[in-house]
C-alpha cells in the first residue's frame, strides 16, 4: 500500500496492490477515518442514485492497520491524476508514472 499525503483539506489517500497488475485507490475523505485504516482487508459498499451521486457508503475493516511502503508527498500528489473509477492496471512501483 502507498499513502498519498494530505493535500489541503481532502485528507490522505491510499493505493492498494490487490492483484498482480491491479491497483485500487481508497481516498480517505470517502471513508470514516479510524485507528484501523488503512488495513489490507476491507470492503466498501457504495449505494448511488441514478445520477451517480452517492446516497450511502459503508466501509468494513477486518484487520489491523498497516504501514505504507512509501508516501507520495502532497506537492507531487497535486500533479497526479487519480482515476475517478478508483481502479487502474499496473504495479505500485510504477504508480507515479501511471498517474502522470
Protein backbone atom coordinates (compact mmCIF):
# COMPACT_ATOMS: atom_id res chain seq x y z
CA UNK A 1 0.00 0.00 0.00
CA UNK A 2 1.17 3.52 -0.87
CA UNK A 3 -0.06 6.54 1.06
CA UNK A 4 -0.82 9.90 -0.53
CA UNK A 5 -0.02 12.76 1.84
CA UNK A 6 -2.94 15.01 2.75
CA UNK A 7 -3.46 17.85 0.30
CA UNK A 8 -5.33 20.86 1.67
CA UNK A 9 -8.45 19.58 3.44
CA UNK A 10 -9.13 16.45 1.40
CA UNK A 11 -7.30 14.07 3.71
CA UNK A 12 -4.78 11.39 2.91
CA UNK A 13 -5.42 8.65 0.38
CA UNK A 14 -4.16 5.17 -0.31
CA UNK A 15 -3.38 2.92 -3.27
CA UNK A 16 -3.51 -0.85 -2.70
CA UNK A 17 -1.99 -3.55 -4.92
CA UNK A 18 -4.87 -6.02 -4.86
CA UNK A 19 -3.69 -8.39 -7.58
CA UNK A 20 -0.65 -8.52 -9.83
CA UNK A 21 -1.37 -5.75 -12.32
CA UNK A 22 -4.33 -4.17 -10.48
CA UNK A 23 -4.35 -1.18 -8.10
CA UNK A 24 -7.36 0.14 -6.18
CA UNK A 25 -7.48 3.65 -4.70
CA UNK A 26 -9.07 4.49 -1.35
CA UNK A 27 -9.48 8.23 -0.84
CA UNK A 28 -9.80 8.70 2.92
CA UNK A 29 -12.26 11.59 2.63
CA UNK A 30 -14.68 8.91 1.40
CA UNK A 31 -14.08 6.67 4.42
CA UNK A 32 -14.62 7.06 8.11
CA UNK A 33 -11.09 7.56 9.39
CA UNK A 34 -10.16 5.30 12.26
CA UNK A 35 -7.26 3.70 14.02
CA UNK A 36 -7.93 0.56 11.91
CA UNK A 37 -7.47 2.10 8.47
CA UNK A 38 -5.62 1.54 6.23
CA UNK A 39 -5.98 -2.20 6.53
CA UNK A 40 -5.26 -4.93 3.97
CA UNK A 41 -8.73 -6.44 4.40
CA UNK A 42 -11.62 -4.04 3.94
CA UNK A 43 -14.84 -3.79 1.95
CA UNK A 44 -16.60 -0.74 0.57
CA UNK A 45 -20.24 -0.80 -0.44
CA UNK A 46 -21.50 2.36 -2.16
CA UNK A 47 -25.13 2.97 -3.00
CA UNK A 48 -25.64 5.52 -5.77
CA UNK A 49 -28.66 7.30 -7.20
CA UNK A 50 -29.43 7.14 -10.94
CA UNK A 51 -27.41 10.34 -11.44
CA UNK A 52 -24.40 8.55 -9.83
CA UNK A 53 -24.40 10.71 -6.70
CA UNK A 54 -23.55 8.76 -3.60
CA UNK A 55 -26.51 8.04 -1.34
CA UNK A 56 -24.73 5.92 1.26
CA UNK A 57 -21.40 4.21 1.80
CA UNK A 58 -20.39 1.52 4.29
CA UNK A 59 -16.76 0.58 4.99
CA UNK A 60 -16.00 -2.64 6.85
CA UNK A 61 -12.47 -3.12 8.22
CA UNK A 62 -11.46 -6.65 9.20
CA UNK A 63 -7.76 -6.47 10.08
CA UNK A 64 -5.29 -4.28 11.92
CA UNK A 65 -3.83 -1.12 10.46
CA UNK A 66 -0.77 -1.47 8.20
CA UNK A 67 2.05 0.94 7.34
CA UNK A 68 2.64 2.18 3.75
CA UNK A 69 5.65 1.03 1.74
CA UNK A 70 6.12 4.71 0.83
CA UNK A 71 4.34 8.06 0.96
CA UNK A 72 3.74 10.33 -2.02
CA UNK A 73 4.15 13.92 -0.86
CA UNK A 74 1.32 16.44 -1.30
CA UNK A 75 3.36 18.53 -3.76
CA UNK A 76 3.71 15.54 -6.12
CA UNK A 77 0.16 14.34 -5.43
CA UNK A 78 -1.19 17.67 -6.73
CA UNK A 79 0.31 16.89 -10.16
CA UNK A 80 -1.12 13.36 -10.43
CA UNK A 81 -4.46 12.29 -11.91
CA UNK A 82 -6.28 9.91 -9.57
CA UNK A 83 -8.77 7.87 -11.63
CA UNK A 84 -12.46 8.50 -10.98
CA UNK A 85 -13.34 4.81 -11.09
CA UNK A 86 -10.57 4.18 -8.49
CA UNK A 87 -9.14 1.12 -10.28
CA UNK A 88 -6.19 1.02 -12.66
CA UNK A 89 -3.99 -1.62 -14.22
CA UNK A 90 -0.37 -1.56 -13.06
CA UNK A 91 2.03 -2.01 -10.19
CA UNK A 92 2.62 0.22 -7.15
CA UNK A 93 6.28 0.54 -8.14
CA UNK A 94 5.13 2.46 -11.25
CA UNK A 95 2.35 4.45 -9.58
CA UNK A 96 3.67 7.97 -10.16
CA UNK A 97 4.31 7.23 -13.85
CA UNK A 98 0.86 5.63 -14.25
CA UNK A 99 -0.85 8.71 -12.79
CA UNK A 100 1.18 11.41 -14.56
